[in-house]
Amino acid sequence: MIKTYSYKSIKAGDRVLMRINANVSITRGKVSESSTHRIDILLPEIKRLLRKRVKLVLMTHVGRPIGSDGSLTTKPIAYYLSKKL
């Protein structure tokens, strides 16, 4: 069962699944710096949860692929987030 959380009820070691809207432009395998606003506004909440030492899982998608499409990978988004965190 998926539960909605109250920030006060989260404690270290809890697993938190966060669905993020990371629709950004990806050019040549990199997140376009001009389109990072959607990710940047999430950073304070992500950092707040990480400071609580939770096991944070971020969930997103890129585009609407039909079948397997390697150009719609979320790896550039993960790399951008890793630099910012």
Protein backbone atom coordinates (compact mmCIF):
# COMPACT_ATOMS: atom_id res chain seq x y z
CA MET A 1 0.00 0.00 0.00
CA ILE A 2 1.30 3.46 -0.88
CA LYS A 3 0.85 6.04 1.85
CA THR A 4 0.86 9.79 1.72
CA TYR A 5 3.31 11.17 4.21
CA SER A 6 3.33 13.90 6.73
CA TYR A 7 6.82 15.33 6.90
CA LYS A 8 6.81 15.11 10.68
CA SER A 9 6.05 11.38 10.60
CA ILE A 10 9.10 10.48 8.46
CA LYS A 11 12.09 9.11 10.32
CA ALA A 12 15.55 7.86 9.42
CA GLY A 13 15.48 4.61 7.46
CA ASP A 14 11.96 5.10 6.05
CA ARG A 15 11.53 4.50 2.33
CA VAL A 16 10.04 7.44 0.45
CA LEU A 17 8.93 7.20 -3.18
CA MET A 18 8.74 10.63 -4.79
CA ARG A 19 7.22 11.09 -8.25
CA ILE A 20 8.83 14.13 -9.83
CA ASN A 21 7.99 16.06 -12.98
CA ALA A 22 11.37 16.27 -14.64
CA ASN A 23 10.28 17.21 -18.16
CA VAL A 24 13.47 18.90 -19.30
CA SER A 25 15.22 19.29 -22.62
CA ILE A 26 17.99 16.77 -23.16
CA THR A 27 20.48 17.60 -25.90
CA ARG A 28 23.41 15.35 -26.81
CA GLY A 29 22.92 13.34 -23.63
CA LYS A 30 22.92 16.34 -21.28
CA VAL A 31 20.18 18.30 -19.55
CA SER A 32 19.86 21.70 -21.20
CA GLU A 33 20.78 24.36 -18.61
CA SER A 34 17.91 26.56 -19.80
CA SER A 35 15.33 23.91 -18.89
CA THR A 36 16.37 22.89 -15.38
CA HIS A 37 13.75 24.95 -13.52
CA ARG A 38 11.44 21.96 -12.93
CA ILE A 39 14.24 20.03 -11.27
CA ASP A 40 15.72 22.98 -9.39
CA ILE A 41 12.45 23.77 -7.59
CA LEU A 42 12.43 20.19 -6.24
CA LEU A 43 15.94 20.34 -4.80
CA PRO A 44 14.99 21.87 -1.41
CA GLU A 45 12.43 19.10 -0.74
CA ILE A 46 14.81 16.37 -1.91
CA LYS A 47 17.58 17.77 0.32
CA ARG A 48 15.20 18.04 3.28
CA LEU A 49 14.28 14.36 2.94
CA LEU A 50 17.92 13.30 2.54
CA ARG A 51 18.86 15.20 5.70
CA LYS A 52 16.32 13.02 7.50
CA ARG A 53 18.34 10.02 6.25
CA VAL A 54 15.46 8.39 4.40
CA LYS A 55 15.86 5.90 1.57
CA LEU A 56 14.65 8.18 -1.22
CA VAL A 57 13.53 6.79 -4.58
CA LEU A 58 12.81 9.34 -7.30
CA MET A 59 10.47 8.32 -10.10
CA THR A 60 10.05 10.13 -13.42
CA HIS A 61 9.89 9.51 -17.15
CA VAL A 62 11.03 11.19 -20.35
CA GLY A 63 8.67 11.40 -23.30
CA ARG A 64 6.16 8.77 -24.34
CA PRO A 65 8.15 5.94 -25.94
CA ILE A 66 6.64 3.19 -28.00
CA GLY A 67 8.82 0.19 -27.35
CA SER A 68 12.45 0.70 -26.42
CA ASP A 69 13.96 4.11 -27.24
CA GLY A 70 17.44 4.74 -25.84
CA SER A 71 17.20 8.47 -26.54
CA LEU A 72 14.54 8.81 -23.83
CA THR A 73 16.76 7.72 -20.95
CA THR A 74 16.63 9.43 -17.56
CA LYS A 75 20.40 9.06 -17.04
CA PRO A 76 21.13 12.73 -17.90
CA ILE A 77 18.56 13.79 -15.27
CA ALA A 78 20.15 11.49 -12.67
CA TYR A 79 23.58 12.92 -13.49
CA TYR A 80 22.29 16.51 -13.19
CA LEU A 81 20.71 15.72 -9.81
CA SER A 82 23.88 14.05 -8.56
CA LYS A 83 25.85 17.23 -9.36
CA LYS A 84 23.31 19.42 -7.55
CA LEU A 85 23.04 17.25 -4.45
